Amino acid sequence: MSNPYEQSEFQQPHQPYPAAQPYAQAPALPSSNAGWAVVAIIFFWPVAIPAFNHALKVHPLWMMGDVQGAQYSSNRAAFFGKLSLGIFFVLIVLYFAFIALVVANSY
């Protein structure tokens, strides 16, 4: 009778486990750009609605694994904040142009 601890012809010889592969780094959470949403509410409030909508969707999208969607929402929140700032400055320029026109035609 053979030794019970010997390897039989059906058993595989002991091989070391393969080296662990490093995990890919998860992308960083994009900025929510909530500051730009606040700028939107201060300078031109109608644009603040979509700005806050996109700013508040960044974290939930990222947590669900939708990194591209989170980045898109972050970019859109910043866009709407900058858009409100641009609209504000255009309105200020038009206001001063109107005042100058009224003053010039009043004499």
Protein backbone atom coordinates (compact mmCIF):
# COMPACT_ATOMS: atom_id res chain seq x y z
CA MET A 1 0.00 0.00 0.00
CA SER A 2 1.25 3.44 -0.85
CA ASN A 3 1.69 6.36 1.48
CA PRO A 4 -1.62 8.33 1.80
CA TYR A 5 0.30 11.60 1.82
CA GLU A 6 1.89 11.07 -1.52
CA GLN A 7 0.51 12.90 -4.47
CA SER A 8 -1.50 10.73 -6.72
CA GLU A 9 -1.39 11.09 -10.46
CA PHE A 10 -4.70 13.02 -10.39
CA GLN A 11 -3.63 15.76 -8.01
CA GLN A 12 -2.00 18.90 -9.30
CA PRO A 13 1.37 19.80 -7.86
CA HIS A 14 1.28 22.77 -5.50
CA GLN A 15 1.68 26.02 -7.43
CA PRO A 16 1.93 29.46 -5.88
CA TYR A 17 -0.98 31.84 -6.31
CA PRO A 18 -0.58 34.49 -9.01
CA ALA A 19 0.52 37.89 -7.83
CA ALA A 20 -2.31 40.25 -6.93
CA GLN A 21 -3.06 42.82 -9.57
CA PRO A 22 -3.34 46.40 -8.37
CA TYR A 23 -6.81 47.88 -8.61
CA ALA A 24 -7.37 50.84 -10.88
CA GLN A 25 -7.74 54.05 -8.94
CA ALA A 26 -11.29 55.30 -8.76
CA PRO A 27 -11.66 58.75 -10.30
CA ALA A 28 -11.90 61.59 -7.83
CA LEU A 29 -15.24 63.13 -7.02
CA PRO A 30 -15.69 66.17 -9.25
CA SER A 31 -16.48 69.49 -7.65
CA SER A 32 -20.19 70.14 -7.35
CA ASN A 33 -19.65 73.80 -8.30
CA ALA A 34 -22.27 74.82 -5.76
CA GLY A 35 -20.46 78.16 -5.49
CA TRP A 36 -21.36 78.91 -9.08
CA ALA A 37 -24.97 78.01 -8.28
CA VAL A 38 -24.90 80.56 -5.46
CA VAL A 39 -23.47 83.12 -7.89
CA ALA A 40 -26.39 82.32 -10.19
CA ILE A 41 -28.92 82.98 -7.45
CA ILE A 42 -27.30 86.31 -6.57
CA PHE A 43 -26.82 87.73 -10.05
CA PHE A 44 -29.65 86.23 -12.16
CA TRP A 45 -31.93 83.93 -10.22
CA PRO A 46 -33.81 82.21 -13.11
CA VAL A 47 -30.57 80.49 -14.13
CA ALA A 48 -30.01 79.33 -10.55
CA ILE A 49 -32.68 76.63 -10.83
CA PRO A 50 -30.80 74.45 -13.34
CA ALA A 51 -27.49 75.38 -11.69
CA PHE A 52 -28.60 73.99 -8.33
CA ASN A 53 -30.28 71.04 -10.03
CA HIS A 54 -26.99 70.01 -11.63
CA ALA A 55 -24.87 70.87 -8.58
CA LEU A 56 -26.98 68.63 -6.36
CA LYS A 57 -26.81 65.68 -8.77
CA VAL A 58 -22.99 65.41 -8.78
CA HIS A 59 -22.53 63.35 -5.61
CA PRO A 60 -25.42 60.89 -6.16
CA LEU A 61 -24.30 60.21 -9.73
CA TRP A 62 -20.72 59.64 -8.61
CA MET A 63 -21.85 57.30 -5.81
CA MET A 64 -23.82 55.23 -8.34
CA GLY A 65 -20.66 54.90 -10.44
CA ASP A 66 -21.71 57.30 -13.20
CA VAL A 67 -18.47 59.27 -13.26
CA GLN A 68 -19.16 60.84 -16.65
CA GLY A 69 -22.63 61.92 -15.55
CA ALA A 70 -21.21 63.46 -12.38
CA GLN A 71 -18.57 65.35 -14.38
CA TYR A 72 -21.24 66.55 -16.83
CA SER A 73 -23.45 67.82 -13.99
CA SER A 74 -20.47 69.55 -12.42
CA ASN A 75 -19.61 71.27 -15.69
CA ARG A 76 -23.23 72.31 -16.28
CA ALA A 77 -23.54 73.83 -12.80
CA ALA A 78 -20.44 75.92 -13.46
CA PHE A 79 -21.76 76.88 -16.91
CA PHE A 80 -25.06 78.16 -15.53
CA GLY A 81 -23.28 80.14 -12.81
CA LYS A 82 -21.00 81.79 -15.36
CA LEU A 83 -23.96 82.37 -17.67
CA SER A 84 -25.83 84.21 -14.91
CA LEU A 85 -22.79 86.39 -14.29
CA GLY A 86 -22.55 87.18 -18.00
CA ILE A 87 -26.25 88.01 -18.23
CA PHE A 88 -25.93 90.28 -15.21
CA PHE A 89 -23.07 92.25 -16.75
CA VAL A 90 -24.91 92.57 -20.08
CA LEU A 91 -27.98 93.88 -18.26
CA ILE A 92 -25.85 96.38 -16.32
CA VAL A 93 -24.28 97.64 -19.55
CA LEU A 94 -27.72 97.96 -21.15
CA TYR A 95 -29.00 99.78 -18.07
CA PHE A 96 -26.20 102.35 -18.18
CA ALA A 97 -26.63 102.74 -21.93
CA PHE A 98 -30.33 103.41 -21.40
CA ILE A 99 -29.61 105.95 -18.65
CA ALA A 100 -27.06 107.68 -20.89
CA LEU A 101 -29.60 107.76 -23.73
CA VAL A 102 -32.30 109.25 -21.49
CA VAL A 103 -29.94 111.87 -20.09
CA ALA A 104 -28.67 112.80 -23.57
CA ASN A 105 -32.20 113.24 -24.93
CA SER A 106 -33.56 115.15 -21.91
CA TYR A 107 -31.79 118.41 -22.82
